[in-house]
Amino acid sequence: DPPDHTRLRTLVSKAFTPSVVSALRPRIAT
Protein backbone atom coordinates (compact mmCIF):
# COMPACT_ATOMS: atom_id res chain seq x y z
CA ASP A 1 0.00 0.00 0.00
CA PRO A 2 1.10 3.65 -0.19
CA PRO A 3 3.59 5.10 0.40
CA ASP A 4 5.74 2.04 -0.47
CA HIS A 5 3.50 1.07 -3.38
CA THR A 6 3.66 4.59 -4.79
CA ARG A 7 7.45 4.70 -4.56
CA LEU A 8 7.93 1.31 -6.22
CA ARG A 9 5.34 1.86 -8.93
CA THR A 10 6.70 5.32 -9.83
CA LEU A 11 10.15 3.90 -10.51
CA VAL A 12 9.06 0.76 -12.36
CA SER A 13 6.32 2.43 -14.42
CA LYS A 14 8.94 4.25 -16.48
CA ALA A 15 9.59 0.96 -18.26
CA PHE A 16 5.95 0.69 -19.37
CA THR A 17 5.12 4.12 -20.77
CA PRO A 18 3.29 4.36 -24.12
CA SER A 19 6.46 5.58 -25.83
CA VAL A 20 8.55 2.70 -24.47
CA VAL A 21 5.94 0.10 -25.47
CA SER A 22 5.52 1.70 -28.90
CA ALA A 23 9.26 1.31 -29.46
CA LEU A 24 8.95 -2.37 -28.48
CA ARG A 25 6.21 -3.18 -31.00
CA PRO A 26 8.57 -3.98 -33.92
CA ARG A 27 10.52 -6.35 -31.68
CA ILE A 28 7.30 -8.03 -30.49
CA ALA A 29 6.25 -8.50 -34.13
CA THR A 30 9.63 -9.98 -35.02
mmCIF file of all heavy atoms, coordinates in Angstrom:
data_MODEL
# 
_entry.id   MODEL 
# 
loop_
_atom_site.group_PDB 
_atom_site.id 
_atom_site.type_symbol 
_atom_site.label_atom_id 
_atom_site.label_alt_id 
_atom_site.label_comp_id 
_atom_site.label_asym_id 
_atom_site.label_entity_id 
_atom_site.label_seq_id 
_atom_site.pdbx_PDB_ins_code 
_atom_site.Cartn_x 
_atom_site.Cartn_y 
_atom_site.Cartn_z 
_atom_site.occupancy 
_atom_site.B_iso_or_equiv 
_atom_site.pdbx_formal_charge 
_atom_site.auth_seq_id 
_atom_site.auth_comp_id 
_atom_site.auth_asym_id 
_atom_site.auth_atom_id 
_atom_site.pdbx_PDB_model_num 
ATOM 1   N N   . ASP A 1 1  ? 0.852  -1.188  0.000   1.00 0.00 ? 1  ASP A N   1 
ATOM 2   C CA  . ASP A 1 1  ? 0.000  0.000   0.000   1.00 0.00 ? 1  ASP A CA  1 
ATOM 3   C C   . ASP A 1 1  ? 0.888  1.239   0.000   1.00 0.00 ? 1  ASP A C   1 
ATOM 4   O O   . ASP A 1 1  ? 2.094  1.159   0.272   1.00 0.00 ? 1  ASP A O   1 
ATOM 5   C CB  . ASP A 1 1  ? -0.893 0.007   1.251   1.00 0.00 ? 1  ASP A CB  1 
ATOM 6   C CG  . ASP A 1 1  ? -1.944 -1.084  1.223   1.00 0.00 ? 1  ASP A CG  1 
ATOM 7   O OD1 . ASP A 1 1  ? -2.394 -1.439  0.126   1.00 0.00 ? 1  ASP A OD1 1 
ATOM 8   O OD2 . ASP A 1 1  ? -2.313 -1.584  2.311   1.00 0.00 ? 1  ASP A OD2 1 
ATOM 9   N N   . PRO A 1 2  ? 0.316  2.419   -0.303  1.00 0.00 ? 2  PRO A N   1 
ATOM 10  C CA  . PRO A 1 2  ? 1.097  3.650   -0.192  1.00 0.00 ? 2  PRO A CA  1 
ATOM 11  C C   . PRO A 1 2  ? 1.601  3.825   1.244   1.00 0.00 ? 2  PRO A C   1 
ATOM 12  O O   . PRO A 1 2  ? 0.937  3.385   2.191   1.00 0.00 ? 2  PRO A O   1 
ATOM 13  C CB  . PRO A 1 2  ? 0.074  4.736   -0.561  1.00 0.00 ? 2  PRO A CB  1 
ATOM 14  C CG  . PRO A 1 2  ? -0.946 4.031   -1.406  1.00 0.00 ? 2  PRO A CG  1 
ATOM 15  C CD  . PRO A 1 2  ? -1.042 2.650   -0.824  1.00 0.00 ? 2  PRO A CD  1 
ATOM 16  N N   . PRO A 1 3  ? 2.776  4.435   1.429   1.00 0.00 ? 3  PRO A N   1 
ATOM 17  C CA  . PRO A 1 3  ? 3.591  5.096   0.397   1.00 0.00 ? 3  PRO A CA  1 
ATOM 18  C C   . PRO A 1 3  ? 4.561  4.166   -0.336  1.00 0.00 ? 3  PRO A C   1 
ATOM 19  O O   . PRO A 1 3  ? 5.094  4.547   -1.360  1.00 0.00 ? 3  PRO A O   1 
ATOM 20  C CB  . PRO A 1 3  ? 4.371  6.137   1.206   1.00 0.00 ? 3  PRO A CB  1 
ATOM 21  C CG  . PRO A 1 3  ? 4.555  5.477   2.540   1.00 0.00 ? 3  PRO A CG  1 
ATOM 22  C CD  . PRO A 1 3  ? 3.304  4.707   2.797   1.00 0.00 ? 3  PRO A CD  1 
ATOM 23  N N   . ASP A 1 4  ? 4.771  2.933   0.185   1.00 0.00 ? 4  ASP A N   1 
ATOM 24  C CA  . ASP A 1 4  ? 5.737  2.038   -0.466  1.00 0.00 ? 4  ASP A CA  1 
ATOM 25  C C   . ASP A 1 4  ? 5.292  1.678   -1.878  1.00 0.00 ? 4  ASP A C   1 
ATOM 26  O O   . ASP A 1 4  ? 6.102  1.634   -2.807  1.00 0.00 ? 4  ASP A O   1 
ATOM 27  C CB  . ASP A 1 4  ? 5.914  0.762   0.365   1.00 0.00 ? 4  ASP A CB  1 
ATOM 28  C CG  . ASP A 1 4  ? 6.703  1.008   1.639   1.00 0.00 ? 4  ASP A CG  1 
ATOM 29  O OD1 . ASP A 1 4  ? 7.564  1.900   1.627   1.00 0.00 ? 4  ASP A OD1 1 
ATOM 30  O OD2 . ASP A 1 4  ? 6.457  0.320   2.637   1.00 0.00 ? 4  ASP A OD2 1 
ATOM 31  N N   . HIS A 1 5  ? 3.994  1.399   -2.052  1.00 0.00 ? 5  HIS A N   1 
ATOM 32  C CA  . HIS A 1 5  ? 3.498  1.066   -3.383  1.00 0.00 ? 5  HIS A CA  1 
ATOM 33  C C   . HIS A 1 5  ? 3.740  2.207   -4.358  1.00 0.00 ? 5  HIS A C   1 
ATOM 34  O O   . HIS A 1 5  ? 4.171  1.995   -5.503  1.00 0.00 ? 5  HIS A O   1 
ATOM 35  C CB  . HIS A 1 5  ? 2.001  0.736   -3.321  1.00 0.00 ? 5  HIS A CB  1 
ATOM 36  C CG  . HIS A 1 5  ? 1.369  0.572   -4.669  1.00 0.00 ? 5  HIS A CG  1 
ATOM 37  N ND1 . HIS A 1 5  ? 0.750  1.614   -5.331  1.00 0.00 ? 5  HIS A ND1 1 
ATOM 38  C CD2 . HIS A 1 5  ? 1.292  -0.494  -5.495  1.00 0.00 ? 5  HIS A CD2 1 
ATOM 39  C CE1 . HIS A 1 5  ? 0.296  1.181   -6.489  1.00 0.00 ? 5  HIS A CE1 1 
ATOM 40  N NE2 . HIS A 1 5  ? 0.610  -0.088  -6.611  1.00 0.00 ? 5  HIS A NE2 1 
ATOM 41  N N   . THR A 1 6  ? 3.481  3.418   -3.914  1.00 0.00 ? 6  THR A N   1 
ATOM 42  C CA  . THR A 1 6  ? 3.661  4.591   -4.793  1.00 0.00 ? 6  THR A CA  1 
ATOM 43  C C   . THR A 1 6  ? 5.112  4.738   -5.219  1.00 0.00 ? 6  THR A C   1 
ATOM 44  O O   . THR A 1 6  ? 5.409  4.984   -6.390  1.00 0.00 ? 6  THR A O   1 
ATOM 45  C CB  . THR A 1 6  ? 3.202  5.862   -4.056  1.00 0.00 ? 6  THR A CB  1 
ATOM 46  O OG1 . THR A 1 6  ? 1.859  5.677   -3.587  1.00 0.00 ? 6  THR A OG1 1 
ATOM 47  C CG2 . THR A 1 6  ? 3.267  7.065   -4.985  1.00 0.00 ? 6  THR A CG2 1 
ATOM 48  N N   . ARG A 1 7  ? 6.018  4.573   -4.277  1.00 0.00 ? 7  ARG A N   1 
ATOM 49  C CA  . ARG A 1 7  ? 7.449  4.701   -4.564  1.00 0.00 ? 7  ARG A CA  1 
ATOM 50  C C   . ARG A 1 7  ? 7.903  3.638   -5.562  1.00 0.00 ? 7  ARG A C   1 
ATOM 51  O O   . ARG A 1 7  ? 8.572  3.938   -6.552  1.00 0.00 ? 7  ARG A O   1 
ATOM 52  C CB  . ARG A 1 7  ? 8.227  4.575   -3.248  1.00 0.00 ? 7  ARG A CB  1 
ATOM 53  C CG  . ARG A 1 7  ? 9.734  4.494   -3.401  1.00 0.00 ? 7  ARG A CG  1 
ATOM 54  C CD  . ARG A 1 7  ? 10.396 4.499   -2.027  1.00 0.00 ? 7  ARG A CD  1 
ATOM 55  N NE  . ARG A 1 7  ? 9.893  3.451   -1.155  1.00 0.00 ? 7  ARG A NE  1 
ATOM 56  C CZ  . ARG A 1 7  ? 10.351 2.200   -1.168  1.00 0.00 ? 7  ARG A CZ  1 
ATOM 57  N NH1 . ARG A 1 7  ? 11.319 1.855   -2.006  1.00 0.00 ? 7  ARG A NH1 1 
ATOM 58  N NH2 . ARG A 1 7  ? 9.857  1.300   -0.335  1.00 0.00 ? 7  ARG A NH2 1 
ATOM 59  N N   . LEU A 1 8  ? 7.528  2.396   -5.326  1.00 0.00 ? 8  LEU A N   1 
ATOM 60  C CA  . LEU A 1 8  ? 7.930  1.310   -6.218  1.00 0.00 ? 8  LEU A CA  1 
ATOM 61  C C   . LEU A 1 8  ? 7.321  1.474   -7.606  1.00 0.00 ? 8  LEU A C   1 
ATOM 62  O O   . LEU A 1 8  ? 8.004  1.350   -8.619  1.00 0.00 ? 8  LEU A O   1 
ATOM 63  C CB  . LEU A 1 8  ? 7.507  -0.035  -5.614  1.00 0.00 ? 8  LEU A CB  1 
ATOM 64  C CG  . LEU A 1 8  ? 8.257  -0.490  -4.372  1.00 0.00 ? 8  LEU A CG  1 
ATOM 65  C CD1 . LEU A 1 8  ? 7.505  -1.626  -3.688  1.00 0.00 ? 8  LEU A CD1 1 
ATOM 66  C CD2 . LEU A 1 8  ? 9.667  -0.926  -4.732  1.00 0.00 ? 8  LEU A CD2 1 
ATOM 67  N N   . ARG A 1 9  ? 6.037  1.770   -7.646  1.00 0.00 ? 9  ARG A N   1 
ATOM 68  C CA  . ARG A 1 9  ? 5.343  1.865   -8.932  1.00 0.00 ? 9  ARG A CA  1 
ATOM 69  C C   . ARG A 1 9  ? 5.882  3.029   -9.757  1.00 0.00 ? 9  ARG A C   1 
ATOM 70  O O   . ARG A 1 9  ? 6.024  2.913   -10.984 1.00 0.00 ? 9  ARG A O   1 
ATOM 71  C CB  . ARG A 1 9  ? 3.841  2.020   -8.705  1.00 0.00 ? 9  ARG A CB  1 
ATOM 72  C CG  . ARG A 1 9  ? 3.033  1.939   -10.009 1.00 0.00 ? 9  ARG A CG  1 
ATOM 73  C CD  . ARG A 1 9  ? 1.550  2.086   -9.751  1.00 0.00 ? 9  ARG A CD  1 
ATOM 74  N NE  . ARG A 1 9  ? 0.789  2.046   -10.986 1.00 0.00 ? 9  ARG A NE  1 
ATOM 75  C CZ  . ARG A 1 9  ? 0.162  0.979   -11.450 1.00 0.00 ? 9  ARG A CZ  1 
ATOM 76  N NH1 . ARG A 1 9  ? 0.194  -0.162  -10.781 1.00 0.00 ? 9  ARG A NH1 1 
ATOM 77  N NH2 . ARG A 1 9  ? -0.507 1.043   -12.586 1.00 0.00 ? 9  ARG A NH2 1 
ATOM 78  N N   . THR A 1 10 ? 6.192  4.153   -9.112  1.00 0.00 ? 10 THR A N   1 
ATOM 79  C CA  . THR A 1 10 ? 6.699  5.322   -9.833  1.00 0.00 ? 10 THR A CA  1 
ATOM 80  C C   . THR A 1 10 ? 7.995  4.989   -10.556 1.00 0.00 ? 10 THR A C   1 
ATOM 81  O O   . THR A 1 10 ? 8.201  5.381   -11.720 1.00 0.00 ? 10 THR A O   1 
ATOM 82  C CB  . THR A 1 10 ? 6.920  6.493   -8.865  1.00 0.00 ? 10 THR A CB  1 
ATOM 83  O OG1 . THR A 1 10 ? 5.664  6.850   -8.276  1.00 0.00 ? 10 THR A OG1 1 
ATOM 84  C CG2 . THR A 1 10 ? 7.490  7.699   -9.593  1.00 0.00 ? 10 THR A CG2 1 
ATOM 85  N N   . LEU A 1 11 ? 8.867  4.248   -9.900  1.00 0.00 ? 11 LEU A N   1 
ATOM 86  C CA  . LEU A 1 11 ? 10.146 3.900   -10.511 1.00 0.00 ? 11 LEU A CA  1 
ATOM 87  C C   . LEU A 1 11 ? 9.987  2.869   -11.621 1.00 0.00 ? 11 LEU A C   1 
ATOM 88  O O   . LEU A 1 11 ? 10.564 3.001   -12.698 1.00 0.00 ? 11 LEU A O   1 
ATOM 89  C CB  . LEU A 1 11 ? 11.105 3.379   -9.439  1.00 0.00 ? 11 LEU A CB  1 
ATOM 90  C CG  . LEU A 1 11 ? 11.598 4.428   -8.440  1.00 0.00 ? 11 LEU A CG  1 
ATOM 91  C CD1 . LEU A 1 11 ? 12.278 3.753   -7.260  1.00 0.00 ? 11 LEU A CD1 1 
ATOM 92  C CD2 . LEU A 1 11 ? 12.556 5.404   -9.112  1.00 0.00 ? 11 LEU A CD2 1 
ATOM 93  N N   . VAL A 1 12 ? 9.179  1.840   -11.390 1.00 0.00 ? 12 VAL A N   1 
ATOM 94  C CA  . VAL A 1 12 ? 9.056  0.758   -12.364 1.00 0.00 ? 12 VAL A CA  1 
ATOM 95  C C   . VAL A 1 12 ? 8.202  1.175   -13.554 1.00 0.00 ? 12 VAL A C   1 
ATOM 96  O O   . VAL A 1 12 ? 8.426  0.710   -14.679 1.00 0.00 ? 12 VAL A O   1 
ATOM 97  C CB  . VAL A 1 12 ? 8.462  -0.500  -11.689 1.00 0.00 ? 12 VAL A CB  1 
ATOM 98  C CG1 . VAL A 1 12 ? 8.320  -1.634  -12.689 1.00 0.00 ? 12 VAL A CG1 1 
ATOM 99  C CG2 . VAL A 1 12 ? 9.344  -0.934  -10.532 1.00 0.00 ? 12 VAL A CG2 1 
ATOM 100 N N   . SER A 1 13 ? 7.240  2.059   -13.343 1.00 0.00 ? 13 SER A N   1 
ATOM 101 C CA  . SER A 1 13 ? 6.319  2.432   -14.417 1.00 0.00 ? 13 SER A CA  1 
ATOM 102 C C   . SER A 1 13 ? 7.016  3.096   -15.598 1.00 0.00 ? 13 SER A C   1 
ATOM 103 O O   . SER A 1 13 ? 6.480  3.108   -16.715 1.00 0.00 ? 13 SER A O   1 
ATOM 104 C CB  . SER A 1 13 ? 5.229  3.367   -13.878 1.00 0.00 ? 13 SER A CB  1 
ATOM 105 O OG  . SER A 1 13 ? 5.788  4.592   -13.427 1.00 0.00 ? 13 SER A OG  1 
ATOM 106 N N   . LYS A 1 14 ? 8.215  3.614   -15.377 1.00 0.00 ? 14 LYS A N   1 
ATOM 107 C CA  . LYS A 1 14 ? 8.943  4.253   -16.478 1.00 0.00 ? 14 LYS A CA  1 
ATOM 108 C C   . LYS A 1 14 ? 9.300  3.262   -17.580 1.00 0.00 ? 14 LYS A C   1 
ATOM 109 O O   . LYS A 1 14 ? 9.579  3.672   -18.710 1.00 0.00 ? 14 LYS A O   1 
ATOM 110 C CB  . LYS A 1 14 ? 10.207 4.916   -15.935 1.00 0.00 ? 14 LYS A CB  1 
ATOM 111 C CG  . LYS A 1 14 ? 9.925  6.053   -14.952 1.00 0.00 ? 14 LYS A CG  1 
ATOM 112 C CD  . LYS A 1 14 ? 11.203 6.608   -14.335 1.00 0.00 ? 14 LYS A CD  1 
ATOM 113 C CE  . LYS A 1 14 ? 10.891 7.700   -13.317 1.00 0.00 ? 14 LYS A CE  1 
ATOM 114 N NZ  . LYS A 1 14 ? 12.113 8.212   -12.658 1.00 0.00 ? 14 LYS A NZ  1 
ATOM 115 N N   . ALA A 1 15 ? 9.287  1.990   -17.258 1.00 0.00 ? 15 ALA A N   1 
ATOM 116 C CA  . ALA A 1 15 ? 9.588  0.961   -18.264 1.00 0.00 ? 15 ALA A CA  1 
ATOM 117 C C   . ALA A 1 15 ? 8.361  0.574   -19.072 1.00 0.00 ? 15 ALA A C   1 
ATOM 118 O O   . ALA A 1 15 ? 8.480  -0.191  -20.041 1.00 0.00 ? 15 ALA A O   1 
ATOM 119 C CB  . ALA A 1 15 ? 10.157 -0.276  -17.579 1.00 0.00 ? 15 ALA A CB  1 
ATOM 120 N N   . PHE A 1 16 ? 7.177  1.104   -18.706 1.00 0.00 ? 16 PHE A N   1 
ATOM 121 C CA  . PHE A 1 16 ? 5.948  0.687   -19.374 1.00 0.00 ? 16 PHE A CA  1 
ATOM 122 C C   . PHE A 1 16 ? 5.137  1.882   -19.883 1.00 0.00 ? 16 PHE A C   1 
ATOM 123 O O   . PHE A 1 16 ? 3.916  1.817   -19.962 1.00 0.00 ? 16 PHE A O   1 
ATOM 124 C CB  . PHE A 1 16 ? 5.094  -0.150  -18.418 1.00 0.00 ? 16 PHE A CB  1 
ATOM 125 C CG  . PHE A 1 16 ? 5.759  -1.421  -17.980 1.00 0.00 ? 16 PHE A CG  1 
ATOM 126 C CD1 . PHE A 1 16 ? 6.458  -1.481  -16.784 1.00 0.00 ? 16 PHE A CD1 1 
ATOM 127 C CD2 . PHE A 1 16 ? 5.706  -2.555  -18.765 1.00 0.00 ? 16 PHE A CD2 1 
ATOM 128 C CE1 . PHE A 1 16 ? 7.084  -2.648  -16.378 1.00 0.00 ? 16 PHE A CE1 1 
ATOM 129 C CE2 . PHE A 1 16 ? 6.329  -3.735  -18.369 1.00 0.00 ? 16 PHE A CE2 1 
ATOM 130 C CZ  . PHE A 1 16 ? 7.024  -3.777  -17.177 1.00 0.00 ? 16 PHE A CZ  1 
ATOM 131 N N   . THR A 1 17 ? 5.809  2.963   -20.217 1.00 0.00 ? 17 THR A N   1 
ATOM 132 C CA  . THR A 1 17 ? 5.116  4.122   -20.768 1.00 0.00 ? 17 THR A CA  1 
ATOM 133 C C   . THR A 1 17 ? 4.689  3.834   -22.201 1.00 0.00 ? 17 THR A C   1 
ATOM 134 O O   . THR A 1 17 ? 5.251  2.948   -22.864 1.00 0.00 ? 17 THR A O   1 
ATOM 135 C CB  . THR A 1 17 ? 6.027  5.358   -20.748 1.00 0.00 ? 17 THR A CB  1 
ATOM 136 O OG1 . THR A 1 17 ? 7.157  5.109   -21.601 1.00 0.00 ? 17 THR A OG1 1 
ATOM 137 C CG2 . THR A 1 17 ? 6.509  5.664   -19.341 1.00 0.00 ? 17 THR A CG2 1 
ATOM 138 N N   . PRO A 1 18 ? 3.702  4.573   -22.727 1.00 0.00 ? 18 PRO A N   1 
ATOM 139 C CA  . PRO A 1 18 ? 3.288  4.359   -24.116 1.00 0.00 ? 18 PRO A CA  1 
ATOM 140 C C   . PRO A 1 18 ? 4.434  4.477   -25.113 1.00 0.00 ? 18 PRO A C   1 
ATOM 141 O O   . PRO A 1 18 ? 4.505  3.703   -26.083 1.00 0.00 ? 18 PRO A O   1 
ATOM 142 C CB  . PRO A 1 18 ? 2.241  5.465   -24.329 1.00 0.00 ? 18 PRO A CB  1 
ATOM 143 C CG  . PRO A 1 18 ? 1.667  5.695   -22.967 1.00 0.00 ? 18 PRO A CG  1 
ATOM 144 C CD  . PRO A 1 18 ? 2.821  5.530   -22.025 1.00 0.00 ? 18 PRO A CD  1 
ATOM 145 N N   . SER A 1 19 ? 5.351  5.417   -24.887 1.00 0.00 ? 19 SER A N   1 
ATOM 146 C CA  . SER A 1 19 ? 6.456  5.584   -25.832 1.00 0.00 ? 19 SER A CA  1 
ATOM 147 C C   . SER A 1 19 ? 7.406  4.395   -25.788 1.00 0.00 ? 19 SER A C   1 
ATOM 148 O O   . SER A 1 19 ? 7.893  3.932   -26.834 1.00 0.00 ? 19 SER A O   1 
ATOM 149 C CB  . SER A 1 19 ? 7.220  6.873   -25.527 1.00 0.00 ? 19 SER A CB  1 
ATOM 150 O OG  . SER A 1 19 ? 7.752  6.856   -24.211 1.00 0.00 ? 19 SER A OG  1 
ATOM 151 N N   . VAL A 1 20 ? 7.671  3.864   -24.591 1.00 0.00 ? 20 VAL A N   1 
ATOM 152 C CA  . VAL A 1 20 ? 8.546  2.695   -24.466 1.00 0.00 ? 20 VAL A CA  1 
ATOM 153 C C   . VAL A 1 20 ? 7.913  1.486   -25.141 1.00 0.00 ? 20 VAL A C   1 
ATOM 154 O O   . VAL A 1 20 ? 8.563  0.755   -25.897 1.00 0.00 ? 20 VAL A O   1 
ATOM 155 C CB  . VAL A 1 20 ? 8.850  2.397   -22.994 1.00 0.00 ? 20 VAL A CB  1 
ATOM 156 C CG1 . VAL A 1 20 ? 9.557  1.045   -22.851 1.00 0.00 ? 20 VAL A CG1 1 
ATOM 157 C CG2 . VAL A 1 20 ? 9.715  3.496   -22.386 1.00 0.00 ? 20 VAL A CG2 1 
ATOM 158 N N   . VAL A 1 21 ? 6.627  1.256   -24.887 1.00 0.00 ? 21 VAL A N   1 
ATOM 159 C CA  . VAL A 1 21 ? 5.945  0.105   -25.471 1.00 0.00 ? 21 VAL A CA  1 
ATOM 160 C C   . VAL A 1 21 ? 5.832  0.256   -26.987 1.00 0.00 ? 21 VAL A C   1 
ATOM 161 O O   . VAL A 1 21 ? 5.992  -0.723  -27.730 1.00 0.00 ? 21 VAL A O   1 
ATOM 162 C CB  . VAL A 1 21 ? 4.555  -0.082  -24.832 1.00 0.00 ? 21 VAL A CB  1 
ATOM 163 C CG1 . VAL A 1 21 ? 3.773  -1.175  -25.559 1.00 0.00 ? 21 VAL A CG1 1 
ATOM 164 C CG2 . VAL A 1 21 ? 4.703  -0.434  -23.350 1.00 0.00 ? 21 VAL A CG2 1 
ATOM 165 N N   . SER A 1 22 ? 5.581  1.473   -27.459 1.00 0.00 ? 22 SER A N   1 
ATOM 166 C CA  . SER A 1 22 ? 5.523  1.703   -28.900 1.00 0.00 ? 22 SER A CA  1 
ATOM 167 C C   . SER A 1 22 ? 6.840  1.327   -29.569 1.00 0.00 ? 22 SER A C   1 
ATOM 168 O O   . SER A 1 22 ? 6.856  0.730   -30.655 1.00 0.00 ? 22 SER A O   1 
ATOM 169 C CB  . SER A 1 22 ? 5.179  3.168   -29.183 1.00 0.00 ? 22 SER A CB  1 
ATOM 170 O OG  . SER A 1 22 ? 5.137  3.416   -30.574 1.00 0.00 ? 22 SER A OG  1 
ATOM 171 N N   . ALA A 1 23 ? 7.941  1.656   -28.902 1.00 0.00 ? 23 ALA A N   1 
ATOM 172 C CA  . ALA A 1 23 ? 9.256  1.313   -29.457 1.00 0.00 ? 23 ALA A CA  1 
ATOM 173 C C   . ALA A 1 23 ? 9.493  -0.190  -29.452 1.00 0.00 ? 23 ALA A C   1 
ATOM 174 O O   . ALA A 1 23 ? 10.290 -0.695  -30.257 1.00 0.00 ? 23 ALA A O   1 
ATOM 175 C CB  . ALA A 1 23 ? 10.345 2.025   -28.656 1.00 0.00 ? 23 ALA A CB  1 
ATOM 176 N N   . LEU A 1 24 ? 8.802  -0.916  -28.564 1.00 0.00 ? 24 LEU A N   1 
ATOM 177 C CA  . LEU A 1 24 ? 8.952  -2.366  -28.482 1.00 0.00 ? 24 LEU A CA  1 
ATOM 178 C C   . LEU A 1 24 ? 8.128  -3.119  -29.521 1.00 0.00 ? 24 LEU A C   1 
ATOM 179 O O   . LEU A 1 24 ? 8.394  -4.300  -29.791 1.00 0.00 ? 24 LEU A O   1 
ATOM 180 C CB  . LEU A 1 24 ? 8.545  -2.862  -27.087 1.00 0.00 ? 24 LEU A CB  1 
ATOM 181 C CG  . LEU A 1 24 ? 9.497  -2.605  -25.930 1.00 0.00 ? 24 LEU A CG  1 
ATOM 182 C CD1 . LEU A 1 24 ? 8.839  -3.012  -24.614 1.00 0.00 ? 24 LEU A CD1 1 
ATOM 183 C CD2 . LEU A 1 24 ? 10.793 -3.389  -26.122 1.00 0.00 ? 24 LEU A CD2 1 
ATOM 184 N N   . ARG A 1 25 ? 7.136  -2.473  -30.108 1.00 0.00 ? 25 ARG A N   1 
ATOM 185 C CA  . ARG A 1 25 ? 6.211  -3.182  -30.999 1.00 0.00 ? 25 ARG A CA  1 
ATOM 186 C C   . ARG A 1 25 ? 6.917  -3.881  -32.159 1.00 0.00 ? 25 ARG A C   1 
ATOM 187 O O   . ARG A 1 25 ? 6.591  -5.042  -32.470 1.00 0.00 ? 25 ARG A O   1 
ATOM 188 C CB  . ARG A 1 25 ? 5.126  -2.232  -31.498 1.00 0.00 ? 25 ARG A CB  1 
ATOM 189 C CG  . ARG A 1 25 ? 4.153  -1.781  -30.415 1.00 0.00 ? 25 ARG A CG  1 
ATOM 190 C CD  . ARG A 1 25 ? 3.061  -0.885  -30.979 1.00 0.00 ? 25 ARG A CD  1 
ATOM 191 N NE  . ARG A 1 25 ? 2.081  -1.665  -31.709 1.00 0.00 ? 25 ARG A NE  1 
ATOM 192 C CZ  . ARG A 1 25 ? 0.934  -2.107  -31.214 1.00 0.00 ? 25 ARG A CZ  1 
ATOM 193 N NH1 . ARG A 1 25 ? 0.607  -1.842  -29.952 1.00 0.00 ? 25 ARG A NH1 1 
ATOM 194 N NH2 . ARG A 1 25 ? 0.104  -2.804  -31.948 1.00 0.00 ? 25 ARG A NH2 1 
ATOM 195 N N   . PRO A 1 26 ? 7.885  -3.256  -32.842 1.00 0.00 ? 26 PRO A N   1 
ATOM 196 C CA  . PRO A 1 26 ? 8.571  -3.983  -33.920 1.00 0.00 ? 26 PRO A CA  1 
ATOM 197 C C   . PRO A 1 26 ? 9.268  -5.247  -33.416 1.00 0.00 ? 26 PRO A C   1 
ATOM 198 O O   . PRO A 1 26 ? 9.265  -6.278  -34.107 1.00 0.00 ? 26 PRO A O   1 
ATOM 199 C CB  . PRO A 1 26 ? 9.573  -2.958  -34.458 1.00 0.00 ? 26 PRO A CB  1 
ATOM 200 C CG  . PRO A 1 26 ? 8.991  -1.628  -34.107 1.00 0.00 ? 26 PRO A CG  1 
ATOM 201 C CD  . PRO A 1 26 ? 8.323  -1.836  -32.784 1.00 0.00 ? 26 PRO A CD  1 
ATOM 202 N N   . ARG A 1 27 ? 9.852  -5.180  -32.231 1.00 0.00 ? 27 ARG A N   1 
ATOM 203 C CA  . ARG A 1 27 ? 10.522 -6.352  -31.678 1.00 0.00 ? 27 ARG A CA  1 
ATOM 204 C C   . ARG A 1 27 ? 9.507  -7.443  -31.337 1.00 0.00 ? 27 ARG A C   1 
ATOM 205 O O   . ARG A 1 27 ? 9.749  -8.634  -31.586 1.00 0.00 ? 27 ARG A O   1 
ATOM 206 C CB  . ARG A 1 27 ? 11.320 -5.959  -30.433 1.00 0.00 ? 27 ARG A CB  1 
ATOM 207 C CG  . ARG A 1 27 ? 12.021 -7.112  -29.729 1.00 0.00 ? 27 ARG A CG  1 
ATOM 208 C CD  . ARG A 1 27 ? 12.972 -7.846  -30.638 1.00 0.00 ? 27 ARG A CD  1 
ATOM 209 N NE  . ARG A 1 27 ? 13.614 -8.968  -29.951 1.00 0.00 ? 27 ARG A NE  1 
ATOM 210 C CZ  . ARG A 1 27 ? 14.104 -10.034 -30.565 1.00 0.00 ? 27 ARG A CZ  1 
ATOM 211 N NH1 . ARG A 1 27 ? 14.030 -10.139 -31.896 1.00 0.00 ? 27 ARG A NH1 1 
ATOM 212 N NH2 . ARG A 1 27 ? 14.673 -11.001 -29.872 1.00 0.00 ? 27 ARG A NH2 1 
ATOM 213 N N   . ILE A 1 28 ? 8.355  -7.053  -30.788 1.00 0.00 ? 28 ILE A N   1 
ATOM 214 C CA  . ILE A 1 28 ? 7.301  -8.028  -30.493 1.00 0.00 ? 28 ILE A CA  1 
ATOM 215 C C   . ILE A 1 28 ? 6.856  -8.721  -31.775 1.00 0.00 ? 28 ILE A C   1 
ATOM 216 O O   . ILE A 1 28 ? 6.692  -9.948  -31.818 1.00 0.00 ? 28 ILE A O   1 
ATOM 217 C CB  . ILE A 1 28 ? 6.108  -7.351  -29.803 1.00 0.00 ? 28 ILE A CB  1 
ATOM 218 C CG1 . ILE A 1 28 ? 6.533  -6.728  -28.471 1.00 0.00 ? 28 ILE A CG1 1 
ATOM 219 C CG2 . ILE A 1 28 ? 4.978  -8.344  -29.570 1.00 0.00 ? 28 ILE A CG2 1 
ATOM 220 C CD1 . ILE A 1 28 ? 5.453  -5.888  -27.798 1.00 0.00 ? 28 ILE A CD1 1 
ATOM 221 N N   . ALA A 1 29 ? 6.673  -7.937  -32.845 1.00 0.00 ? 29 ALA A N   1 
ATOM 222 C CA  . ALA A 1 29 ? 6.248  -8.500  -34.127 1.00 0.00 ? 29 ALA A CA  1 
ATOM 223 C C   . ALA A 1 29 ? 7.301  -9.457  -34.687 1.00 0.00 ? 29 ALA A C   1 
ATOM 224 O O   . ALA A 1 29 ? 6.965  -10.517 -35.233 1.00 0.00 ? 29 ALA A O   1 
ATOM 225 C CB  . ALA A 1 29 ? 5.964  -7.381  -35.128 1.00 0.00 ? 29 ALA A CB  1 
ATOM 226 N N   . THR A 1 30 ? 8.559  -9.108  -34.530 1.00 0.00 ? 30 THR A N   1 
ATOM 227 C CA  . THR A 1 30 ? 9.633  -9.976  -35.017 1.00 0.00 ? 30 THR A CA  1 
ATOM 228 C C   . THR A 1 30 ? 9.639  -11.311 -34.291 1.00 0.00 ? 30 THR A C   1 
ATOM 229 O O   . THR A 1 30 ? 9.784  -12.380 -34.906 1.00 0.00 ? 30 THR A O   1 
ATOM 230 C CB  . THR A 1 30 ? 10.995 -9.283  -34.841 1.00 0.00 ? 30 THR A CB  1 
ATOM 231 O OG1 . THR A 1 30 ? 11.027 -8.095  -35.637 1.00 0.00 ? 30 THR A OG1 1 
ATOM 232 C CG2 . THR A 1 30 ? 12.139 -10.200 -35.265 1.00 0.00 ? 30 THR A CG2 1 
# 
